[in-house]
């Protein structure tokens, strides 16, 4: 009987942990390039993280006037992200950084 109670208690603990994990949702928004240069790299890291996460674009780029759906599926429950935008080497534009609440953001346009 004691073993059965342990199993029931362990099951209750496991099930009670599920809702917390299920609350973490992917952050999805549209990124538009409103500049005249090709956007080559895009990084986003939660505010307070000292290093940039991996380049979200991977091998992709975003040409002037184009848009792309961005999904950040890092499992975190934070909304505030620092963002870093890098342009092609031949561009006159400098690297740009910004901070946004990505939970409330449906669309973001990078401007010159």
C-alpha atoms as a PDB file:
ATOM      1  CA  UNK A   1       0.000   0.000   0.000  1.00  0.00           C
ATOM      2  CA  UNK A   2       2.860   2.380   0.838  1.00  0.00           C
ATOM      3  CA  UNK A   3       4.348   1.885  -2.655  1.00  0.00           C
ATOM      4  CA  UNK A   4       0.990   2.666  -4.259  1.00  0.00           C
ATOM      5  CA  UNK A   5       0.785   5.969  -2.345  1.00  0.00           C
ATOM      6  CA  UNK A   6       4.294   6.895  -3.504  1.00  0.00           C
ATOM      7  CA  UNK A   7       3.321   6.234  -7.128  1.00  0.00           C
ATOM      8  CA  UNK A   8       0.123   8.270  -6.789  1.00  0.00           C
ATOM      9  CA  UNK A   9       2.043  11.174  -5.191  1.00  0.00           C
ATOM     10  CA  UNK A  10       4.708  11.058  -7.944  1.00  0.00           C
ATOM     11  CA  UNK A  11       1.987  11.059 -10.604  1.00  0.00           C
ATOM     12  CA  UNK A  12       0.250  14.056  -9.026  1.00  0.00           C
ATOM     13  CA  UNK A  13       3.553  15.974  -8.935  1.00  0.00           C
ATOM     14  CA  UNK A  14       4.291  15.158 -12.571  1.00  0.00           C
ATOM     15  CA  UNK A  15       0.830  16.220 -13.748  1.00  0.00           C
ATOM     16  CA  UNK A  16       0.921  19.443 -11.721  1.00  0.00           C
ATOM     17  CA  UNK A  17       4.177  20.430 -13.455  1.00  0.00           C
ATOM     18  CA  UNK A  18       2.643  20.148 -16.928  1.00  0.00           C
ATOM     19  CA  UNK A  19       0.615  23.393 -16.951  1.00  0.00           C
ATOM     20  CA  UNK A  20       3.718  25.475 -16.182  1.00  0.00           C
ATOM     21  CA  UNK A  21       5.571  23.955 -19.118  1.00  0.00           C
ATOM     22  CA  UNK A  22       2.555  24.326 -21.389  1.00  0.00           C
ATOM     23  CA  UNK A  23       2.395  28.070 -20.715  1.00  0.00           C
ATOM     24  CA  UNK A  24       5.635  28.720 -22.601  1.00  0.00           C
ATOM     25  CA  UNK A  25       4.492  29.633 -26.107  1.00  0.00           C
ATOM     26  CA  UNK A  26       6.410  30.352 -29.275  1.00  0.00           C
ATOM     27  CA  UNK A  27       6.837  34.042 -30.074  1.00  0.00           C
ATOM     28  CA  UNK A  28       5.755  34.683 -33.660  1.00  0.00           C
ATOM     29  CA  UNK A  29       5.906  37.996 -35.532  1.00  0.00           C
ATOM     30  CA  UNK A  30       6.599  39.365 -39.004  1.00  0.00           C
ATOM     31  CA  UNK A  31       9.938  41.083 -39.553  1.00  0.00           C
ATOM     32  CA  UNK A  32       9.998  43.636 -42.405  1.00  0.00           C
ATOM     33  CA  UNK A  33      13.130  45.121 -43.905  1.00  0.00           C
ATOM     34  CA  UNK A  34      12.305  48.792 -44.460  1.00  0.00           C
ATOM     35  CA  UNK A  35      15.894  49.670 -45.341  1.00  0.00           C
ATOM     36  CA  UNK A  36      17.707  49.850 -48.673  1.00  0.00           C
ATOM     37  CA  UNK A  37      20.220  47.150 -47.627  1.00  0.00           C
ATOM     38  CA  UNK A  38      20.128  43.381 -47.270  1.00  0.00           C
ATOM     39  CA  UNK A  39      19.670  42.234 -43.686  1.00  0.00           C
ATOM     40  CA  UNK A  40      22.105  39.344 -43.241  1.00  0.00           C
ATOM     41  CA  UNK A  41      21.833  38.434 -39.554  1.00  0.00           C
ATOM     42  CA  UNK A  42      19.150  38.723 -36.890  1.00  0.00           C
ATOM     43  CA  UNK A  43      19.723  37.854 -33.248  1.00  0.00           C
ATOM     44  CA  UNK A  44      17.284  37.965 -30.338  1.00  0.00           C
ATOM     45  CA  UNK A  45      18.090  37.239 -26.709  1.00  0.00           C
ATOM     46  CA  UNK A  46      15.991  37.704 -23.596  1.00  0.00           C
ATOM     47  CA  UNK A  47      16.752  40.961 -21.789  1.00  0.00           C
ATOM     48  CA  UNK A  48      19.423  40.285 -19.168  1.00  0.00           C
ATOM     49  CA  UNK A  49      21.166  37.505 -21.106  1.00  0.00           C
ATOM     50  CA  UNK A  50      24.784  38.579 -21.625  1.00  0.00           C
ATOM     51  CA  UNK A  51      25.331  36.859 -24.981  1.00  0.00           C
ATOM     52  CA  UNK A  52      23.434  36.815 -28.257  1.00  0.00           C
ATOM     53  CA  UNK A  53      21.584  33.625 -29.092  1.00  0.00           C
ATOM     54  CA  UNK A  54      22.172  31.951 -32.488  1.00  0.00           C
ATOM     55  CA  UNK A  55      21.456  33.863 -35.705  1.00  0.00           C
ATOM     56  CA  UNK A  56      17.739  33.365 -36.331  1.00  0.00           C
ATOM     57  CA  UNK A  57      18.177  33.699 -40.102  1.00  0.00           C
ATOM     58  CA  UNK A  58      20.678  30.860 -40.362  1.00  0.00           C
ATOM     59  CA  UNK A  59      21.608  30.943 -44.059  1.00  0.00           C
ATOM     60  CA  UNK A  60      18.679  33.176 -45.036  1.00  0.00           C
ATOM     61  CA  UNK A  61      18.786  36.931 -45.628  1.00  0.00           C
ATOM     62  CA  UNK A  62      16.086  39.568 -45.872  1.00  0.00           C
ATOM     63  CA  UNK A  63      16.244  41.845 -48.921  1.00  0.00           C
ATOM     64  CA  UNK A  64      15.003  45.450 -48.888  1.00  0.00           C
ATOM     65  CA  UNK A  65      11.197  45.592 -48.831  1.00  0.00           C
ATOM     66  CA  UNK A  66      10.802  41.899 -48.005  1.00  0.00           C
ATOM     67  CA  UNK A  67       9.259  40.397 -44.893  1.00  0.00           C
ATOM     68  CA  UNK A  68       9.664  37.100 -43.087  1.00  0.00           C
ATOM     69  CA  UNK A  69       7.736  35.332 -40.349  1.00  0.00           C
ATOM     70  CA  UNK A  70       9.976  34.888 -37.312  1.00  0.00           C
ATOM     71  CA  UNK A  71       9.366  32.228 -34.687  1.00  0.00           C
ATOM     72  CA  UNK A  72      11.311  32.192 -31.438  1.00  0.00           C
ATOM     73  CA  UNK A  73      10.681  28.818 -29.854  1.00  0.00           C
ATOM     74  CA  UNK A  74      13.137  28.876 -26.985  1.00  0.00           C
ATOM     75  CA  UNK A  75      10.745  27.580 -24.335  1.00  0.00           C
ATOM     76  CA  UNK A  76      11.138  30.674 -22.184  1.00  0.00           C
ATOM     77  CA  UNK A  77       8.197  32.519 -20.673  1.00  0.00           C
ATOM     78  CA  UNK A  78       9.728  35.972 -21.126  1.00  0.00           C
ATOM     79  CA  UNK A  79       8.461  38.624 -23.533  1.00  0.00           C
ATOM     80  CA  UNK A  80      11.230  41.259 -23.413  1.00  0.00           C
ATOM     81  CA  UNK A  81      13.958  40.571 -25.973  1.00  0.00           C
ATOM     82  CA  UNK A  82      17.021  42.467 -27.118  1.00  0.00           C
ATOM     83  CA  UNK A  83      17.366  42.334 -30.909  1.00  0.00           C
ATOM     84  CA  UNK A  84      20.424  42.837 -33.102  1.00  0.00           C
ATOM     85  CA  UNK A  85      20.304  43.449 -36.870  1.00  0.00           C
ATOM     86  CA  UNK A  86      23.370  43.175 -39.121  1.00  0.00           C
ATOM     87  CA  UNK A  87      23.530  44.283 -42.745  1.00  0.00           C
ATOM     88  CA  UNK A  88      25.626  43.157 -45.705  1.00  0.00           C
ATOM     89  CA  UNK A  89      29.240  44.375 -45.669  1.00  0.00           C
ATOM     90  CA  UNK A  90      28.768  46.698 -48.648  1.00  0.00           C
ATOM     91  CA  UNK A  91      25.965  48.521 -46.833  1.00  0.00           C
ATOM     92  CA  UNK A  92      26.301  52.009 -45.386  1.00  0.00           C
ATOM     93  CA  UNK A  93      24.124  50.917 -42.439  1.00  0.00           C
ATOM     94  CA  UNK A  94      25.580  50.146 -39.033  1.00  0.00           C
ATOM     95  CA  UNK A  95      24.552  47.237 -36.862  1.00  0.00           C
ATOM     96  CA  UNK A  96      21.316  48.192 -35.125  1.00  0.00           C
ATOM     97  CA  UNK A  97      20.030  47.055 -31.738  1.00  0.00           C
ATOM     98  CA  UNK A  98      16.589  47.429 -30.166  1.00  0.00           C
ATOM     99  CA  UNK A  99      14.521  46.053 -27.276  1.00  0.00           C
ATOM    100  CA  UNK A 100      10.894  44.964 -27.731  1.00  0.00           C
ATOM    101  CA  UNK A 101       8.097  43.082 -25.996  1.00  0.00           C
ATOM    102  CA  UNK A 102       7.729  40.254 -28.524  1.00  0.00           C
ATOM    103  CA  UNK A 103       4.548  38.909 -26.909  1.00  0.00           C
ATOM    104  CA  UNK A 104       2.701  42.071 -27.953  1.00  0.00           C
ATOM    105  CA  UNK A 105       4.455  42.473 -31.291  1.00  0.00           C
ATOM    106  CA  UNK A 106       2.665  41.290 -34.414  1.00  0.00           C
ATOM    107  CA  UNK A 107       5.015  43.036 -36.817  1.00  0.00           C
ATOM    108  CA  UNK A 108       8.377  44.807 -36.607  1.00  0.00           C
ATOM    109  CA  UNK A 109       9.914  46.952 -39.344  1.00  0.00           C
ATOM    110  CA  UNK A 110      13.602  47.794 -39.281  1.00  0.00           C
ATOM    111  CA  UNK A 111      14.250  51.291 -40.702  1.00  0.00           C
ATOM    112  CA  UNK A 112      17.380  53.183 -41.676  1.00  0.00           C
END
